[in-house]
């Protein structure tokens, strides 16, 4: 019992149909892999994240701005501060005012975190209750730069 496939008896003719069976097998394997791994990826700790809102700063005359440049130099309302001890003295003097002023920290984007951390530590030691960071608006640019 033999069976003839094709109408031609010539064996050298080119087969013009594509065998899709291997392609279907690969796609089914990928589908199974994705169906198994997606639930594993989505399991995280449920946390209610805060919504970010860009609120313009209310500049009051009693607010104090501390600027830190990229070299780590500290400025108190646009005046240079000679040392960290002098900064702490300025902060302690401001902490006893009634009402207590807010301190706004402006830092260059190239500033080391260590310099900003030292300023924040001095503010904490000085007894200031309200501290904020000033940033530039992103002007509609999404994502990280």
C-alpha atoms as a PDB file:
ATOM      1  CA  UNK A   1       0.000   0.000   0.000  1.00  0.00           C
ATOM      2  CA  UNK A   2       1.507   3.177  -1.077  1.00  0.00           C
ATOM      3  CA  UNK A   3       0.191   6.676  -1.373  1.00  0.00           C
ATOM      4  CA  UNK A   4       1.158   9.357  -3.819  1.00  0.00           C
ATOM      5  CA  UNK A   5       1.341  12.947  -2.580  1.00  0.00           C
ATOM      6  CA  UNK A   6       1.141  15.662  -5.218  1.00  0.00           C
ATOM      7  CA  UNK A   7       0.053  15.451  -8.801  1.00  0.00           C
ATOM      8  CA  UNK A   8       3.467  15.459 -10.384  1.00  0.00           C
ATOM      9  CA  UNK A   9       5.778  12.533 -10.607  1.00  0.00           C
ATOM     10  CA  UNK A  10       8.828  14.828 -10.667  1.00  0.00           C
ATOM     11  CA  UNK A  11      10.617  14.735  -7.277  1.00  0.00           C
ATOM     12  CA  UNK A  12      12.746  17.821  -7.928  1.00  0.00           C
ATOM     13  CA  UNK A  13       9.866  20.322  -7.754  1.00  0.00           C
ATOM     14  CA  UNK A  14      10.005  22.989  -5.061  1.00  0.00           C
ATOM     15  CA  UNK A  15       7.437  22.823  -2.269  1.00  0.00           C
ATOM     16  CA  UNK A  16       5.686  26.208  -2.121  1.00  0.00           C
ATOM     17  CA  UNK A  17       3.668  25.790   1.117  1.00  0.00           C
ATOM     18  CA  UNK A  18       5.043  26.789   4.553  1.00  0.00           C
ATOM     19  CA  UNK A  19       5.021  24.323   7.390  1.00  0.00           C
ATOM     20  CA  UNK A  20       3.522  26.291  10.329  1.00  0.00           C
ATOM     21  CA  UNK A  21       3.518  23.473  12.891  1.00  0.00           C
ATOM     22  CA  UNK A  22       6.860  24.439  14.525  1.00  0.00           C
ATOM     23  CA  UNK A  23       5.762  28.085  14.719  1.00  0.00           C
ATOM     24  CA  UNK A  24       2.496  27.142  16.435  1.00  0.00           C
ATOM     25  CA  UNK A  25       4.366  24.913  18.885  1.00  0.00           C
ATOM     26  CA  UNK A  26       6.775  27.724  19.846  1.00  0.00           C
ATOM     27  CA  UNK A  27       3.929  30.214  20.290  1.00  0.00           C
ATOM     28  CA  UNK A  28       1.988  27.808  22.535  1.00  0.00           C
ATOM     29  CA  UNK A  29       5.076  27.267  24.715  1.00  0.00           C
ATOM     30  CA  UNK A  30       5.598  31.057  25.037  1.00  0.00           C
ATOM     31  CA  UNK A  31       1.914  31.529  25.914  1.00  0.00           C
ATOM     32  CA  UNK A  32       2.157  28.920  28.666  1.00  0.00           C
ATOM     33  CA  UNK A  33       5.336  30.513  30.057  1.00  0.00           C
ATOM     34  CA  UNK A  34       3.695  33.968  30.175  1.00  0.00           C
ATOM     35  CA  UNK A  35       0.536  32.589  31.799  1.00  0.00           C
ATOM     36  CA  UNK A  36       2.614  30.970  34.539  1.00  0.00           C
ATOM     37  CA  UNK A  37       4.952  33.917  35.243  1.00  0.00           C
ATOM     38  CA  UNK A  38       2.492  36.860  35.193  1.00  0.00           C
ATOM     39  CA  UNK A  39       0.791  36.017  38.538  1.00  0.00           C
ATOM     40  CA  UNK A  40       4.220  35.676  40.174  1.00  0.00           C
ATOM     41  CA  UNK A  41       5.309  39.122  38.923  1.00  0.00           C
ATOM     42  CA  UNK A  42       2.127  40.879  40.105  1.00  0.00           C
ATOM     43  CA  UNK A  43       2.283  39.664  43.715  1.00  0.00           C
ATOM     44  CA  UNK A  44       3.437  42.627  45.783  1.00  0.00           C
ATOM     45  CA  UNK A  45       2.653  44.047  49.177  1.00  0.00           C
ATOM     46  CA  UNK A  46      -0.573  46.085  48.923  1.00  0.00           C
ATOM     47  CA  UNK A  47       0.325  49.666  49.778  1.00  0.00           C
ATOM     48  CA  UNK A  48      -1.790  52.769  49.291  1.00  0.00           C
ATOM     49  CA  UNK A  49       0.682  55.161  47.660  1.00  0.00           C
ATOM     50  CA  UNK A  50       0.256  58.921  48.094  1.00  0.00           C
ATOM     51  CA  UNK A  51      -0.669  61.047  45.126  1.00  0.00           C
ATOM     52  CA  UNK A  52       1.895  63.678  44.130  1.00  0.00           C
ATOM     53  CA  UNK A  53       0.541  67.185  43.795  1.00  0.00           C
ATOM     54  CA  UNK A  54       2.594  70.152  42.696  1.00  0.00           C
ATOM     55  CA  UNK A  55       1.562  73.019  44.957  1.00  0.00           C
ATOM     56  CA  UNK A  56       3.194  76.411  44.432  1.00  0.00           C
ATOM     57  CA  UNK A  57       5.236  77.578  47.409  1.00  0.00           C
ATOM     58  CA  UNK A  58       3.682  80.284  49.527  1.00  0.00           C
ATOM     59  CA  UNK A  59       6.608  82.630  50.003  1.00  0.00           C
ATOM     60  CA  UNK A  60       6.284  84.574  53.237  1.00  0.00           C
ATOM     61  CA  UNK A  61       8.773  87.104  54.511  1.00  0.00           C
ATOM     62  CA  UNK A  62       9.468  84.999  57.589  1.00  0.00           C
ATOM     63  CA  UNK A  63      10.415  81.897  55.539  1.00  0.00           C
ATOM     64  CA  UNK A  64      14.111  81.060  55.483  1.00  0.00           C
ATOM     65  CA  UNK A  65      15.817  79.658  52.401  1.00  0.00           C
ATOM     66  CA  UNK A  66      18.914  77.538  52.800  1.00  0.00           C
ATOM     67  CA  UNK A  67      20.709  76.914  49.510  1.00  0.00           C
ATOM     68  CA  UNK A  68      23.332  74.231  48.952  1.00  0.00           C
ATOM     69  CA  UNK A  69      25.443  74.476  45.810  1.00  0.00           C
ATOM     70  CA  UNK A  70      27.089  71.551  44.019  1.00  0.00           C
ATOM     71  CA  UNK A  71      30.315  72.033  46.015  1.00  0.00           C
ATOM     72  CA  UNK A  72      28.444  71.692  49.332  1.00  0.00           C
ATOM     73  CA  UNK A  73      28.645  75.379  50.275  1.00  0.00           C
ATOM     74  CA  UNK A  74      25.694  76.525  52.392  1.00  0.00           C
ATOM     75  CA  UNK A  75      23.867  79.846  52.020  1.00  0.00           C
ATOM     76  CA  UNK A  76      21.408  81.327  54.542  1.00  0.00           C
ATOM     77  CA  UNK A  77      19.002  83.638  52.665  1.00  0.00           C
ATOM     78  CA  UNK A  78      21.640  84.238  49.953  1.00  0.00           C
ATOM     79  CA  UNK A  79      24.447  84.912  52.495  1.00  0.00           C
ATOM     80  CA  UNK A  80      27.302  82.441  52.787  1.00  0.00           C
ATOM     81  CA  UNK A  81      27.525  80.410  56.008  1.00  0.00           C
ATOM     82  CA  UNK A  82      31.144  79.937  57.145  1.00  0.00           C
ATOM     83  CA  UNK A  83      30.683  76.642  59.033  1.00  0.00           C
ATOM     84  CA  UNK A  84      28.184  74.057  60.206  1.00  0.00           C
ATOM     85  CA  UNK A  85      28.363  75.479  63.728  1.00  0.00           C
ATOM     86  CA  UNK A  86      27.356  78.897  62.378  1.00  0.00           C
ATOM     87  CA  UNK A  87      24.454  77.251  60.520  1.00  0.00           C
ATOM     88  CA  UNK A  88      23.307  75.581  63.740  1.00  0.00           C
ATOM     89  CA  UNK A  89      23.460  78.927  65.555  1.00  0.00           C
ATOM     90  CA  UNK A  90      21.328  80.565  62.836  1.00  0.00           C
ATOM     91  CA  UNK A  91      18.799  77.739  63.044  1.00  0.00           C
ATOM     92  CA  UNK A  92      18.560  77.859  66.849  1.00  0.00           C
ATOM     93  CA  UNK A  93      18.009  81.627  66.681  1.00  0.00           C
ATOM     94  CA  UNK A  94      15.218  81.131  64.125  1.00  0.00           C
ATOM     95  CA  UNK A  95      13.606  78.285  66.101  1.00  0.00           C
ATOM     96  CA  UNK A  96      12.736  80.531  69.060  1.00  0.00           C
ATOM     97  CA  UNK A  97      10.843  83.083  66.935  1.00  0.00           C
ATOM     98  CA  UNK A  98       7.063  83.218  67.237  1.00  0.00           C
ATOM     99  CA  UNK A  99       5.627  82.027  64.879  1.00  0.00           C
ATOM    100  CA  UNK A 100       8.396  79.662  63.962  1.00  0.00           C
ATOM    101  CA  UNK A 101       9.492  80.175  60.332  1.00  0.00           C
ATOM    102  CA  UNK A 102       9.569  77.462  57.715  1.00  0.00           C
ATOM    103  CA  UNK A 103      12.905  76.501  56.224  1.00  0.00           C
ATOM    104  CA  UNK A 104      13.043  75.839  52.489  1.00  0.00           C
ATOM    105  CA  UNK A 105      16.018  73.894  51.197  1.00  0.00           C
ATOM    106  CA  UNK A 106      17.207  74.610  47.648  1.00  0.00           C
ATOM    107  CA  UNK A 107      19.906  72.267  46.415  1.00  0.00           C
ATOM    108  CA  UNK A 108      21.694  71.989  43.104  1.00  0.00           C
ATOM    109  CA  UNK A 109      20.895  68.728  41.315  1.00  0.00           C
ATOM    110  CA  UNK A 110      24.617  67.891  41.334  1.00  0.00           C
ATOM    111  CA  UNK A 111      24.867  68.265  45.142  1.00  0.00           C
ATOM    112  CA  UNK A 112      25.954  65.207  47.105  1.00  0.00           C
ATOM    113  CA  UNK A 113      23.295  63.774  49.404  1.00  0.00           C
ATOM    114  CA  UNK A 114      25.761  63.999  52.268  1.00  0.00           C
ATOM    115  CA  UNK A 115      25.715  67.820  52.135  1.00  0.00           C
ATOM    116  CA  UNK A 116      21.915  67.955  52.185  1.00  0.00           C
ATOM    117  CA  UNK A 117      21.812  65.385  54.977  1.00  0.00           C
ATOM    118  CA  UNK A 118      24.085  67.543  57.129  1.00  0.00           C
ATOM    119  CA  UNK A 119      21.810  70.549  56.604  1.00  0.00           C
ATOM    120  CA  UNK A 120      18.755  68.483  57.519  1.00  0.00           C
ATOM    121  CA  UNK A 121      20.521  67.158  60.618  1.00  0.00           C
ATOM    122  CA  UNK A 122      21.360  70.716  61.703  1.00  0.00           C
ATOM    123  CA  UNK A 123      17.729  71.755  61.168  1.00  0.00           C
ATOM    124  CA  UNK A 124      16.553  68.817  63.293  1.00  0.00           C
ATOM    125  CA  UNK A 125      19.035  69.634  66.070  1.00  0.00           C
ATOM    126  CA  UNK A 126      18.034  73.304  65.950  1.00  0.00           C
ATOM    127  CA  UNK A 127      14.371  72.508  66.603  1.00  0.00           C
ATOM    128  CA  UNK A 128      12.679  73.716  63.406  1.00  0.00           C
ATOM    129  CA  UNK A 129       9.314  71.990  62.817  1.00  0.00           C
ATOM    130  CA  UNK A 130       8.570  72.718  59.135  1.00  0.00           C
ATOM    131  CA  UNK A 131      11.054  71.938  56.375  1.00  0.00           C
ATOM    132  CA  UNK A 132      10.416  71.853  52.643  1.00  0.00           C
ATOM    133  CA  UNK A 133      12.400  71.245  49.473  1.00  0.00           C
ATOM    134  CA  UNK A 134      12.168  73.625  46.545  1.00  0.00           C
ATOM    135  CA  UNK A 135      12.265  72.171  43.048  1.00  0.00           C
ATOM    136  CA  UNK A 136      11.746  73.337  39.505  1.00  0.00           C
ATOM    137  CA  UNK A 137       8.508  72.327  37.773  1.00  0.00           C
ATOM    138  CA  UNK A 138       8.924  69.587  35.163  1.00  0.00           C
ATOM    139  CA  UNK A 139       6.964  71.464  32.457  1.00  0.00           C
ATOM    140  CA  UNK A 140       5.080  68.372  31.338  1.00  0.00           C
ATOM    141  CA  UNK A 141       8.116  66.141  30.879  1.00  0.00           C
ATOM    142  CA  UNK A 142       7.346  62.629  32.056  1.00  0.00           C
ATOM    143  CA  UNK A 143       9.804  60.071  33.364  1.00  0.00           C
ATOM    144  CA  UNK A 144      13.326  60.291  34.660  1.00  0.00           C
ATOM    145  CA  UNK A 145      16.134  62.222  33.072  1.00  0.00           C
END
